[in-house]
Amino acid sequence: MEETKNISKSSMAEIFVHFMSFILLGISAVSTGILYFQAINKYFPNYQFSVFDSSGIHYAIASLIIGFPLYIWVLWFWFKSFDPPAGGAEKIESKLTKWLTYIVLLIASGLIIGDLIAVVFNFLQGEYGARFLLKALTILVIAGLIFSFYFFERKKIQYKKEISSNSFILPAIASAILVIIAIIFGFIVGGTPLEARLRNQDIQRTNNLQELSSCVSSFAYDNNRLPVGLNELKSGVRYSYCSSMTVDPETQNEYKYRVVSGDQFELCGEFARSTMDEFPNSDYYGKWQKHDKGQLCEIQTVTFNPFPVQDKTAPLPVPVR
């Protein structure tokens, strides 16, 4: 008589953990790709100007710091659930987790094939610069690690094959190294928390000066003269929204303003860092966006209203008979 095997199915908790692992895998893979792509964009620029979104870079770093260790933990929990004690029931997984794993394998293999096709196509077209090749290599490495890991995972979990531990340890070590290097690149490109704070302050200064310049220009157009000082903008209801932009966000000192001539004024701001390498083409951007560290002053010319509105509060002229 054939011996009946003692079999148990995956619990809902284990299915949930496996599903979570794929979510964390997606977060980790995408975040790693973003950081490598941003590093490649910085050191191998392809355009006349390059602008880096530090908030996106820091979000990718945060996603890796939180998501990747959680991904390792849920994988450990998943493999552990298929190691029953001696004499225990043999565990089989659900159809849902099987399908999810094969979908991941399909996506990874599709990325690998598509990436190789893109490399060969661009090579035949004569486009094989370092920028493109490094990005293609990034996709190939990430997709290759995912495919190799889950290929052996299927053999062990689904087909109950004896798989060497190195088949899982080596991709795990390679992935950890890849993630650590990506985080380092992220801090190099996106800056440290202190540099991010200084960058955000400078962005606020740029926005303040641009808005303040618009306020002064509007005042000059409406009144056919320049304001004597920034305090004059605060006194009128029409320009009251400008009052919050007259001071530096860090020092709380008022921006320097002076009248240069009848239709020209100067605004000055003190910046904490340089953006000269981020904005090589100053003509493309607005004033104060490209600046060096320290004080920057810009002179602007205003336009007066050629048809000034008559003051309705003034007395009407008495007609002469």
C-alpha atoms as a PDB file:
ATOM      1  CA  MET A   1       0.000   0.000   0.000  1.00  0.00           C
ATOM      2  CA  GLU A   2       1.248   3.429  -0.962  1.00  0.00           C
ATOM      3  CA  GLU A   3       2.129   5.677   1.937  1.00  0.00           C
ATOM      4  CA  THR A   4      -0.075   8.770   2.166  1.00  0.00           C
ATOM      5  CA  LYS A   5       1.857  11.999   2.442  1.00  0.00           C
ATOM      6  CA  ASN A   6       1.031  14.486   5.160  1.00  0.00           C
ATOM      7  CA  ILE A   7       0.493  17.743   3.243  1.00  0.00           C
ATOM      8  CA  SER A   8      -0.492  21.248   4.410  1.00  0.00           C
ATOM      9  CA  LYS A   9      -1.272  24.302   2.312  1.00  0.00           C
ATOM     10  CA  SER A  10       0.125  27.784   2.710  1.00  0.00           C
ATOM     11  CA  SER A  11      -1.751  29.867   5.259  1.00  0.00           C
ATOM     12  CA  MET A  12      -3.290  33.259   4.451  1.00  0.00           C
ATOM     13  CA  ALA A  13      -0.513  34.911   6.474  1.00  0.00           C
ATOM     14  CA  GLU A  14       2.131  33.272   4.287  1.00  0.00           C
ATOM     15  CA  ILE A  15       0.281  34.254   1.111  1.00  0.00           C
ATOM     16  CA  PHE A  16       0.079  37.834   2.412  1.00  0.00           C
ATOM     17  CA  VAL A  17       3.800  37.863   3.207  1.00  0.00           C
ATOM     18  CA  HIS A  18       4.662  36.531  -0.256  1.00  0.00           C
ATOM     19  CA  PHE A  19       2.461  39.158  -1.893  1.00  0.00           C
ATOM     20  CA  MET A  20       4.127  41.842   0.238  1.00  0.00           C
ATOM     21  CA  SER A  21       7.533  40.614  -0.875  1.00  0.00           C
ATOM     22  CA  PHE A  22       6.668  41.415  -4.493  1.00  0.00           C
ATOM     23  CA  ILE A  23       5.540  44.917  -3.544  1.00  0.00           C
ATOM     24  CA  LEU A  24       8.814  45.471  -1.666  1.00  0.00           C
ATOM     25  CA  LEU A  25      10.724  43.961  -4.607  1.00  0.00           C
ATOM     26  CA  GLY A  26       9.143  46.495  -6.963  1.00  0.00           C
ATOM     27  CA  ILE A  27       9.921  49.384  -4.608  1.00  0.00           C
ATOM     28  CA  SER A  28      13.535  48.262  -4.183  1.00  0.00           C
ATOM     29  CA  ALA A  29      14.144  47.581  -7.892  1.00  0.00           C
ATOM     30  CA  VAL A  30      12.617  50.861  -9.091  1.00  0.00           C
ATOM     31  CA  SER A  31      14.389  52.918  -6.405  1.00  0.00           C
ATOM     32  CA  THR A  32      17.732  51.299  -7.249  1.00  0.00           C
ATOM     33  CA  GLY A  33      17.216  52.029 -10.938  1.00  0.00           C
ATOM     34  CA  ILE A  34      16.299  55.664 -10.220  1.00  0.00           C
ATOM     35  CA  LEU A  35      19.455  56.265  -8.188  1.00  0.00           C
ATOM     36  CA  TYR A  36      21.745  54.712 -10.799  1.00  0.00           C
ATOM     37  CA  PHE A  37      20.011  56.592 -13.609  1.00  0.00           C
ATOM     38  CA  GLN A  38      20.371  59.905 -11.753  1.00  0.00           C
ATOM     39  CA  ALA A  39      24.079  59.235 -11.188  1.00  0.00           C
ATOM     40  CA  ILE A  40      24.519  58.439 -14.885  1.00  0.00           C
ATOM     41  CA  ASN A  41      22.624  61.602 -15.846  1.00  0.00           C
ATOM     42  CA  LYS A  42      24.934  63.676 -13.665  1.00  0.00           C
ATOM     43  CA  TYR A  43      28.262  62.278 -14.788  1.00  0.00           C
ATOM     44  CA  PHE A  44      27.290  61.562 -18.417  1.00  0.00           C
ATOM     45  CA  PRO A  45      24.975  64.473 -19.353  1.00  0.00           C
ATOM     46  CA  ASN A  46      23.322  64.292 -22.735  1.00  0.00           C
ATOM     47  CA  TYR A  47      21.647  67.685 -22.827  1.00  0.00           C
ATOM     48  CA  GLN A  48      22.732  71.303 -22.610  1.00  0.00           C
ATOM     49  CA  PHE A  49      21.355  71.525 -19.097  1.00  0.00           C
ATOM     50  CA  SER A  50      20.663  69.030 -16.331  1.00  0.00           C
ATOM     51  CA  VAL A  51      18.296  69.547 -13.422  1.00  0.00           C
ATOM     52  CA  PHE A  52      18.228  66.988 -10.624  1.00  0.00           C
ATOM     53  CA  ASP A  53      15.164  66.439  -8.479  1.00  0.00           C
ATOM     54  CA  SER A  54      16.730  66.037  -5.056  1.00  0.00           C
ATOM     55  CA  SER A  55      13.379  65.200  -3.464  1.00  0.00           C
ATOM     56  CA  GLY A  56      12.925  62.250  -5.858  1.00  0.00           C
ATOM     57  CA  ILE A  57      16.465  61.048  -5.157  1.00  0.00           C
ATOM     58  CA  HIS A  58      15.993  61.263  -1.389  1.00  0.00           C
ATOM     59  CA  TYR A  59      12.640  59.481  -1.671  1.00  0.00           C
ATOM     60  CA  ALA A  60      14.370  56.635  -3.543  1.00  0.00           C
ATOM     61  CA  ILE A  61      17.059  56.475  -0.826  1.00  0.00           C
ATOM     62  CA  ALA A  62      14.400  56.338   1.890  1.00  0.00           C
ATOM     63  CA  SER A  63      12.536  53.624  -0.032  1.00  0.00           C
ATOM     64  CA  LEU A  64      15.668  51.485  -0.204  1.00  0.00           C
ATOM     65  CA  ILE A  65      16.629  52.023   3.435  1.00  0.00           C
ATOM     66  CA  ILE A  66      13.175  50.883   4.564  1.00  0.00           C
ATOM     67  CA  GLY A  67      12.052  48.593   1.743  1.00  0.00           C
ATOM     68  CA  PHE A  68      15.126  46.451   1.032  1.00  0.00           C
ATOM     69  CA  PRO A  69      15.694  45.136   4.606  1.00  0.00           C
ATOM     70  CA  LEU A  70      11.956  44.402   4.847  1.00  0.00           C
ATOM     71  CA  TYR A  71      12.167  42.531   1.540  1.00  0.00           C
ATOM     72  CA  ILE A  72      15.022  40.377   2.885  1.00  0.00           C
ATOM     73  CA  TRP A  73      13.030  39.678   6.057  1.00  0.00           C
ATOM     74  CA  VAL A  74       9.820  38.608   4.283  1.00  0.00           C
ATOM     75  CA  LEU A  75      11.851  36.369   1.952  1.00  0.00           C
ATOM     76  CA  TRP A  76      13.447  34.732   4.968  1.00  0.00           C
ATOM     77  CA  PHE A  77       9.958  34.216   6.460  1.00  0.00           C
ATOM     78  CA  TRP A  78       8.720  32.768   3.156  1.00  0.00           C
ATOM     79  CA  PHE A  79      11.555  30.223   2.860  1.00  0.00           C
ATOM     80  CA  LYS A  80      11.325  29.375   6.562  1.00  0.00           C
ATOM     81  CA  SER A  81       7.664  28.460   6.192  1.00  0.00           C
ATOM     82  CA  PHE A  82       8.644  25.672   3.767  1.00  0.00           C
ATOM     83  CA  ASP A  83      11.090  24.071   6.216  1.00  0.00           C
ATOM     84  CA  PRO A  84       8.781  21.997   8.440  1.00  0.00           C
ATOM     85  CA  PRO A  85      10.162  20.225  11.490  1.00  0.00           C
ATOM     86  CA  ALA A  86      11.091  16.559  11.274  1.00  0.00           C
ATOM     87  CA  GLY A  87       7.975  14.477  10.782  1.00  0.00           C
ATOM     88  CA  GLY A  88       5.875  17.552  10.062  1.00  0.00           C
ATOM     89  CA  ALA A  89       3.514  18.075   7.164  1.00  0.00           C
ATOM     90  CA  GLU A  90       4.954  18.849   3.751  1.00  0.00           C
ATOM     91  CA  LYS A  91       4.027  22.409   2.761  1.00  0.00           C
ATOM     92  CA  ILE A  92       2.671  23.242  -0.688  1.00  0.00           C
ATOM     93  CA  GLU A  93       2.045  26.783  -1.870  1.00  0.00           C
ATOM     94  CA  SER A  94      -1.159  28.213  -3.256  1.00  0.00           C
ATOM     95  CA  LYS A  95      -1.877  28.798  -6.929  1.00  0.00           C
ATOM     96  CA  LEU A  96      -1.947  32.556  -6.329  1.00  0.00           C
ATOM     97  CA  THR A  97       1.668  32.720  -5.134  1.00  0.00           C
ATOM     98  CA  LYS A  98       2.740  30.513  -8.035  1.00  0.00           C
ATOM     99  CA  TRP A  99       1.134  32.832 -10.564  1.00  0.00           C
ATOM    100  CA  LEU A 100       2.580  35.917  -8.889  1.00  0.00           C
ATOM    101  CA  THR A 101       6.067  34.451  -9.014  1.00  0.00           C
ATOM    102  CA  TYR A 102       5.770  33.504 -12.669  1.00  0.00           C
ATOM    103  CA  ILE A 103       4.522  37.010 -13.487  1.00  0.00           C
ATOM    104  CA  VAL A 104       7.675  38.404 -11.852  1.00  0.00           C
ATOM    105  CA  LEU A 105       9.794  35.954 -13.863  1.00  0.00           C
ATOM    106  CA  LEU A 106       7.989  36.990 -17.046  1.00  0.00           C
ATOM    107  CA  ILE A 107       8.555  40.699 -16.369  1.00  0.00           C
ATOM    108  CA  ALA A 108      12.235  40.149 -15.544  1.00  0.00           C
ATOM    109  CA  SER A 109      12.835  38.031 -18.649  1.00  0.00           C
ATOM    110  CA  GLY A 110      10.981  40.593 -20.775  1.00  0.00           C
ATOM    111  CA  LEU A 111      13.195  43.369 -19.428  1.00  0.00           C
ATOM    112  CA  ILE A 112      16.331  41.362 -20.137  1.00  0.00           C
ATOM    113  CA  ILE A 113      15.301  40.532 -23.715  1.00  0.00           C
ATOM    114  CA  GLY A 114      14.040  44.070 -24.387  1.00  0.00           C
ATOM    115  CA  ASP A 115      17.200  45.563 -22.941  1.00  0.00           C
ATOM    116  CA  LEU A 116      19.445  43.401 -25.117  1.00  0.00           C
ATOM    117  CA  ILE A 117      17.376  44.228 -28.203  1.00  0.00           C
ATOM    118  CA  ALA A 118      17.662  47.952 -27.424  1.00  0.00           C
ATOM    119  CA  VAL A 119      21.440  47.677 -27.022  1.00  0.00           C
ATOM    120  CA  VAL A 120      21.889  45.854 -30.345  1.00  0.00           C
ATOM    121  CA  PHE A 121      19.488  48.212 -32.141  1.00  0.00           C
ATOM    122  CA  ASN A 122      21.222  51.345 -30.887  1.00  0.00           C
ATOM    123  CA  PHE A 123      24.611  49.840 -31.737  1.00  0.00           C
ATOM    124  CA  LEU A 124      23.442  49.203 -35.305  1.00  0.00           C
ATOM    125  CA  GLN A 125      22.151  52.785 -35.447  1.00  0.00           C
ATOM    126  CA  GLY A 126      25.563  54.079 -34.433  1.00  0.00           C
ATOM    127  CA  GLU A 127      24.379  55.233 -30.983  1.00  0.00           C
ATOM    128  CA  TYR A 128      26.499  53.527 -28.380  1.00  0.00           C
ATOM    129  CA  GLY A 129      27.502  56.263 -25.968  1.00  0.00           C
ATOM    130  CA  ALA A 130      28.519  55.582 -22.377  1.00  0.00           C
ATOM    131  CA  ARG A 131      25.280  57.098 -21.057  1.00  0.00           C
ATOM    132  CA  PHE A 132      23.052  54.668 -22.946  1.00  0.00           C
ATOM    133  CA  LEU A 133      25.238  51.618 -22.314  1.00  0.00           C
ATOM    134  CA  LEU A 134      25.420  52.265 -18.565  1.00  0.00           C
ATOM    135  CA  LYS A 135      21.652  52.607 -18.309  1.00  0.00           C
ATOM    136  CA  ALA A 136      21.160  49.424 -20.320  1.00  0.00           C
ATOM    137  CA  LEU A 137      23.673  47.646 -18.071  1.00  0.00           C
ATOM    138  CA  THR A 138      21.784  48.867 -14.981  1.00  0.00           C
ATOM    139  CA  ILE A 139      18.500  47.390 -16.237  1.00  0.00           C
ATOM    140  CA  LEU A 140      20.230  44.171 -17.280  1.00  0.00           C
ATOM    141  CA  VAL A 141      21.878  43.664 -13.871  1.00  0.00           C
ATOM    142  CA  ILE A 142      18.734  44.401 -11.854  1.00  0.00           C
ATOM    143  CA  ALA A 143      16.492  42.235 -14.045  1.00  0.00           C
ATOM    144  CA  GLY A 144      19.132  39.481 -14.198  1.00  0.00           C
ATOM    145  CA  LEU A 145      19.441  39.278 -10.408  1.00  0.00           C
ATOM    146  CA  ILE A 146      15.667  39.107 -10.010  1.00  0.00           C
ATOM    147  CA  PHE A 147      15.296  36.425 -12.676  1.00  0.00           C
ATOM    148  CA  SER A 148      18.129  34.243 -11.349  1.00  0.00           C
ATOM    149  CA  PHE A 149      16.870  34.433  -7.763  1.00  0.00           C
ATOM    150  CA  TYR A 150      13.268  33.503  -8.551  1.00  0.00           C
ATOM    151  CA  PHE A 151      14.344  30.873 -11.064  1.00  0.00           C
ATOM    152  CA  PHE A 152      16.062  28.945  -8.267  1.00  0.00           C
ATOM    153  CA  GLU A 153      13.253  29.840  -5.848  1.00  0.00           C
ATOM    154  CA  ARG A 154      10.778  28.017  -8.117  1.00  0.00           C
ATOM    155  CA  LYS A 155      12.986  24.954  -8.194  1.00  0.00           C
ATOM    156  CA  LYS A 156      13.217  24.829  -4.427  1.00  0.00           C
ATOM    157  CA  ILE A 157       9.684  25.834  -3.396  1.00  0.00           C
ATOM    158  CA  GLN A 158       7.540  24.479  -6.201  1.00  0.00           C
ATOM    159  CA  TYR A 159       9.530  21.513  -7.523  1.00  0.00           C
ATOM    160  CA  LYS A 160      11.238  20.564  -4.217  1.00  0.00           C
ATOM    161  CA  LYS A 161      14.690  20.326  -5.808  1.00  0.00           C
ATOM    162  CA  GLU A 162      17.867  20.338  -3.743  1.00  0.00           C
ATOM    163  CA  ILE A 163      19.342  23.740  -4.492  1.00  0.00           C
ATOM    164  CA  SER A 164      22.733  24.852  -3.227  1.00  0.00           C
ATOM    165  CA  SER A 165      22.553  27.706  -0.722  1.00  0.00           C
ATOM    166  CA  ASN A 166      25.024  29.627  -2.884  1.00  0.00           C
ATOM    167  CA  SER A 167      22.313  29.939  -5.536  1.00  0.00           C
ATOM    168  CA  PHE A 168      20.461  32.237  -3.126  1.00  0.00           C
ATOM    169  CA  ILE A 169      23.337  33.721  -1.128  1.00  0.00           C
ATOM    170  CA  LEU A 170      25.287  35.035  -4.124  1.00  0.00           C
ATOM    171  CA  PRO A 171      22.335  36.952  -5.684  1.00  0.00           C
ATOM    172  CA  ALA A 172      21.466  38.269  -2.215  1.00  0.00           C
ATOM    173  CA  ILE A 173      25.021  39.550  -1.649  1.00  0.00           C
ATOM    174  CA  ALA A 174      25.166  41.040  -5.144  1.00  0.00           C
ATOM    175  CA  SER A 175      21.807  42.739  -4.580  1.00  0.00           C
ATOM    176  CA  ALA A 176      22.925  44.136  -1.224  1.00  0.00           C
ATOM    177  CA  ILE A 177      26.115  45.530  -2.796  1.00  0.00           C
ATOM    178  CA  LEU A 178      24.082  47.007  -5.653  1.00  0.00           C
ATOM    179  CA  VAL A 179      21.703  48.681  -3.199  1.00  0.00           C
ATOM    180  CA  ILE A 180      24.493  50.059  -0.982  1.00  0.00           C
ATOM    181  CA  ILE A 181      26.295  51.549  -4.001  1.00  0.00           C
ATOM    182  CA  ALA A 182      22.987  53.028  -5.212  1.00  0.00           C
ATOM    183  CA  ILE A 183      22.425  54.720  -1.833  1.00  0.00           C
ATOM    184  CA  ILE A 184      25.985  56.111  -1.898  1.00  0.00           C
ATOM    185  CA  PHE A 185      25.409  57.467  -5.409  1.00  0.00           C
ATOM    186  CA  GLY A 186      22.122  58.917  -4.194  1.00  0.00           C
ATOM    187  CA  PHE A 187      23.840  60.917  -1.452  1.00  0.00           C
ATOM    188  CA  ILE A 188      26.555  62.047  -3.887  1.00  0.00           C
ATOM    189  CA  VAL A 189      24.044  63.249  -6.488  1.00  0.00           C
ATOM    190  CA  GLY A 190      21.170  64.347  -4.261  1.00  0.00           C
ATOM    191  CA  GLY A 191      23.299  65.644  -1.407  1.00  0.00           C
ATOM    192  CA  THR A 192      23.340  65.027   2.301  1.00  0.00           C
ATOM    193  CA  PRO A 193      20.422  66.103   4.530  1.00  0.00           C
ATOM    194  CA  LEU A 194      22.310  69.335   5.307  1.00  0.00           C
ATOM    195  CA  GLU A 195      22.872  70.038   1.610  1.00  0.00           C
ATOM    196  CA  ALA A 196      19.205  69.295   0.915  1.00  0.00           C
ATOM    197  CA  ARG A 197      18.199  71.793   3.614  1.00  0.00           C
ATOM    198  CA  LEU A 198      20.434  74.459   2.084  1.00  0.00           C
ATOM    199  CA  ARG A 199      19.089  73.664  -1.401  1.00  0.00           C
ATOM    200  CA  ASN A 200      15.486  73.994  -0.228  1.00  0.00           C
ATOM    201  CA  GLN A 201      16.279  77.326   1.415  1.00  0.00           C
ATOM    202  CA  ASP A 202      17.847  78.599  -1.804  1.00  0.00           C
ATOM    203  CA  ILE A 203      14.835  77.440  -3.798  1.00  0.00           C
ATOM    204  CA  GLN A 204      12.623  79.389  -1.383  1.00  0.00           C
ATOM    205  CA  ARG A 205      14.859  82.451  -1.810  1.00  0.00           C
ATOM    206  CA  THR A 206      14.625  82.140  -5.593  1.00  0.00           C
ATOM    207  CA  ASN A 207      10.823  81.893  -5.446  1.00  0.00           C
ATOM    208  CA  ASN A 208      10.623  84.835  -3.043  1.00  0.00           C
ATOM    209  CA  LEU A 209      12.780  87.072  -5.220  1.00  0.00           C
ATOM    210  CA  GLN A 210      10.905  86.150  -8.378  1.00  0.00           C
ATOM    211  CA  GLU A 211       7.538  86.859  -6.740  1.00  0.00           C
ATOM    212  CA  LEU A 212       8.843  90.026  -5.110  1.00  0.00           C
ATOM    213  CA  SER A 213      10.122  91.253  -8.465  1.00  0.00           C
ATOM    214  CA  SER A 214       6.667  90.644  -9.923  1.00  0.00           C
ATOM    215  CA  CYS A 215       5.090  92.585  -7.044  1.00  0.00           C
ATOM    216  CA  VAL A 216       7.374  95.580  -7.604  1.00  0.00           C
ATOM    217  CA  SER A 217       6.680  95.508 -11.347  1.00  0.00           C
ATOM    218  CA  SER A 218       2.921  95.374 -10.742  1.00  0.00           C
ATOM    219  CA  PHE A 219       3.130  98.255  -8.256  1.00  0.00           C
ATOM    220  CA  ALA A 220       5.110 100.338 -10.748  1.00  0.00           C
ATOM    221  CA  TYR A 221       2.622  99.622 -13.537  1.00  0.00           C
ATOM    222  CA  ASP A 222      -0.371 100.543 -11.378  1.00  0.00           C
ATOM    223  CA  ASN A 223       1.164 103.656  -9.816  1.00  0.00           C
ATOM    224  CA  ASN A 224       3.509 104.848 -12.574  1.00  0.00           C
ATOM    225  CA  ARG A 225       6.379 104.895 -10.117  1.00  0.00           C
ATOM    226  CA  LEU A 226       8.595 102.489  -8.229  1.00  0.00           C
ATOM    227  CA  PRO A 227       7.949 101.831  -4.524  1.00  0.00           C
ATOM    228  CA  VAL A 228      10.289 103.738  -2.252  1.00  0.00           C
ATOM    229  CA  GLY A 229      10.912 100.600  -0.201  1.00  0.00           C
ATOM    230  CA  LEU A 230       9.543  97.110   0.311  1.00  0.00           C
ATOM    231  CA  ASN A 231       7.486  98.345   3.251  1.00  0.00           C
ATOM    232  CA  GLU A 232       5.344 100.271   0.786  1.00  0.00           C
ATOM    233  CA  LEU A 233       4.170  96.971  -0.684  1.00  0.00           C
ATOM    234  CA  LYS A 234       2.958  95.878   2.747  1.00  0.00           C
ATOM    235  CA  SER A 235       0.893  98.995   3.318  1.00  0.00           C
ATOM    236  CA  GLY A 236      -1.470  98.418   0.389  1.00  0.00           C
ATOM    237  CA  VAL A 237      -4.175  95.749   0.399  1.00  0.00           C
ATOM    238  CA  ARG A 238      -3.559  94.998  -3.280  1.00  0.00           C
ATOM    239  CA  TYR A 239       0.037  93.872  -2.590  1.00  0.00           C
ATOM    240  CA  SER A 240      -0.388  92.483   0.923  1.00  0.00           C
ATOM    241  CA  TYR A 241       0.407  88.955  -0.317  1.00  0.00           C
ATOM    242  CA  CYS A 242       3.929  90.170  -1.092  1.00  0.00           C
ATOM    243  CA  SER A 243       4.694  90.873   2.566  1.00  0.00           C
ATOM    244  CA  SER A 244       5.530  87.206   3.296  1.00  0.00           C
ATOM    245  CA  MET A 245       8.191  87.220   0.548  1.00  0.00           C
ATOM    246  CA  THR A 246      10.226  90.218   1.663  1.00  0.00           C
ATOM    247  CA  VAL A 247      12.417  88.369   4.189  1.00  0.00           C
ATOM    248  CA  ASP A 248      15.002  85.597   3.901  1.00  0.00           C
ATOM    249  CA  PRO A 249      13.596  82.189   5.054  1.00  0.00           C
ATOM    250  CA  GLU A 250      16.661  81.444   7.188  1.00  0.00           C
ATOM    251  CA  THR A 251      18.015  84.760   8.515  1.00  0.00           C
ATOM    252  CA  GLN A 252      14.656  86.585   8.505  1.00  0.00           C
ATOM    253  CA  ASN A 253      16.506  89.649   7.180  1.00  0.00           C
ATOM    254  CA  GLU A 254      14.746  91.728   4.561  1.00  0.00           C
ATOM    255  CA  TYR A 255      15.962  91.344   0.996  1.00  0.00           C
ATOM    256  CA  LYS A 256      17.922  94.350  -0.242  1.00  0.00           C
ATOM    257  CA  TYR A 257      15.964  96.633  -2.513  1.00  0.00           C
ATOM    258  CA  ARG A 258      16.941  99.965  -4.051  1.00  0.00           C
ATOM    259  CA  VAL A 259      15.737 102.213  -6.831  1.00  0.00           C
ATOM    260  CA  VAL A 260      18.409 102.496  -9.535  1.00  0.00           C
ATOM    261  CA  SER A 261      16.629 104.952 -11.827  1.00  0.00           C
ATOM    262  CA  GLY A 262      13.140 106.061 -12.710  1.00  0.00           C
ATOM    263  CA  ASP A 263      12.212 102.713 -14.231  1.00  0.00           C
ATOM    264  CA  GLN A 264      14.855 100.378 -12.790  1.00  0.00           C
ATOM    265  CA  PHE A 265      15.219  98.673  -9.415  1.00  0.00           C
ATOM    266  CA  GLU A 266      17.659  96.216  -7.863  1.00  0.00           C
ATOM    267  CA  LEU A 267      16.908  93.183  -5.676  1.00  0.00           C
ATOM    268  CA  CYS A 268      19.596  91.251  -3.795  1.00  0.00           C
ATOM    269  CA  GLY A 269      19.550  87.872  -2.081  1.00  0.00           C
ATOM    270  CA  GLU A 270      22.131  85.853  -0.154  1.00  0.00           C
ATOM    271  CA  PHE A 271      22.415  82.229  -1.332  1.00  0.00           C
ATOM    272  CA  ALA A 272      23.914  79.338   0.635  1.00  0.00           C
ATOM    273  CA  ARG A 273      25.159  77.252  -2.303  1.00  0.00           C
ATOM    274  CA  SER A 274      26.011  77.476  -5.984  1.00  0.00           C
ATOM    275  CA  THR A 275      23.851  76.232  -8.860  1.00  0.00           C
ATOM    276  CA  MET A 276      26.319  77.152 -11.606  1.00  0.00           C
ATOM    277  CA  ASP A 277      26.869  73.495 -12.567  1.00  0.00           C
ATOM    278  CA  GLU A 278      23.125  72.741 -12.516  1.00  0.00           C
ATOM    279  CA  PHE A 279      22.135  75.581 -14.865  1.00  0.00           C
ATOM    280  CA  PRO A 280      24.862  76.012 -17.485  1.00  0.00           C
ATOM    281  CA  ASN A 281      22.517  77.971 -19.788  1.00  0.00           C
ATOM    282  CA  SER A 282      21.417  81.007 -17.799  1.00  0.00           C
ATOM    283  CA  ASP A 283      19.345  82.425 -20.663  1.00  0.00           C
ATOM    284  CA  TYR A 284      16.893  79.542 -20.424  1.00  0.00           C
ATOM    285  CA  TYR A 285      16.007  80.147 -16.788  1.00  0.00           C
ATOM    286  CA  GLY A 286      14.520  83.021 -14.855  1.00  0.00           C
ATOM    287  CA  LYS A 287      16.513  85.426 -12.746  1.00  0.00           C
ATOM    288  CA  TRP A 288      18.064  84.203  -9.516  1.00  0.00           C
ATOM    289  CA  GLN A 289      17.747  80.548 -10.556  1.00  0.00           C
ATOM    290  CA  LYS A 290      21.378  80.323 -11.618  1.00  0.00           C
ATOM    291  CA  HIS A 291      23.568  81.770  -8.901  1.00  0.00           C
ATOM    292  CA  ASP A 292      26.862  81.373  -7.123  1.00  0.00           C
ATOM    293  CA  LYS A 293      27.271  81.088  -3.383  1.00  0.00           C
ATOM    294  CA  GLY A 294      26.913  84.434  -1.652  1.00  0.00           C
ATOM    295  CA  GLN A 295      25.069  87.599  -2.603  1.00  0.00           C
ATOM    296  CA  LEU A 296      23.421  87.977  -6.004  1.00  0.00           C
ATOM    297  CA  CYS A 297      21.846  91.221  -7.206  1.00  0.00           C
ATOM    298  CA  GLU A 298      19.670  91.639 -10.267  1.00  0.00           C
ATOM    299  CA  ILE A 299      18.606  94.906 -11.902  1.00  0.00           C
ATOM    300  CA  GLN A 300      15.215  94.910 -13.605  1.00  0.00           C
ATOM    301  CA  THR A 301      13.379  97.423 -15.734  1.00  0.00           C
ATOM    302  CA  VAL A 302       9.667  98.044 -15.169  1.00  0.00           C
ATOM    303  CA  THR A 303       6.944  99.180 -17.553  1.00  0.00           C
ATOM    304  CA  PHE A 304       4.574 101.976 -16.609  1.00  0.00           C
ATOM    305  CA  ASN A 305       0.906 102.066 -17.558  1.00  0.00           C
ATOM    306  CA  PRO A 306       0.517 104.275 -20.659  1.00  0.00           C
ATOM    307  CA  PHE A 307      -3.152 104.764 -19.797  1.00  0.00           C
ATOM    308  CA  PRO A 308      -3.271 105.444 -16.067  1.00  0.00           C
ATOM    309  CA  VAL A 309      -6.632 104.970 -14.405  1.00  0.00           C
ATOM    310  CA  GLN A 310      -8.121 108.202 -13.133  1.00  0.00           C
ATOM    311  CA  ASP A 311      -8.390 108.410  -9.360  1.00  0.00           C
ATOM    312  CA  LYS A 312     -12.119 108.180  -8.675  1.00  0.00           C
ATOM    313  CA  THR A 313     -11.697 109.723  -5.218  1.00  0.00           C
ATOM    314  CA  ALA A 314     -10.425 113.011  -6.672  1.00  0.00           C
ATOM    315  CA  PRO A 315     -13.046 115.856  -7.067  1.00  0.00           C
ATOM    316  CA  LEU A 316     -14.496 116.285 -10.525  1.00  0.00           C
ATOM    317  CA  PRO A 317     -13.418 119.446 -12.353  1.00  0.00           C
ATOM    318  CA  VAL A 318     -15.962 122.294 -12.388  1.00  0.00           C
ATOM    319  CA  PRO A 319     -17.098 123.044 -15.936  1.00  0.00           C
ATOM    320  CA  VAL A 320     -16.346 126.607 -17.143  1.00  0.00           C
ATOM    321  CA  ARG A 321     -19.281 128.470 -18.684  1.00  0.00           C
END
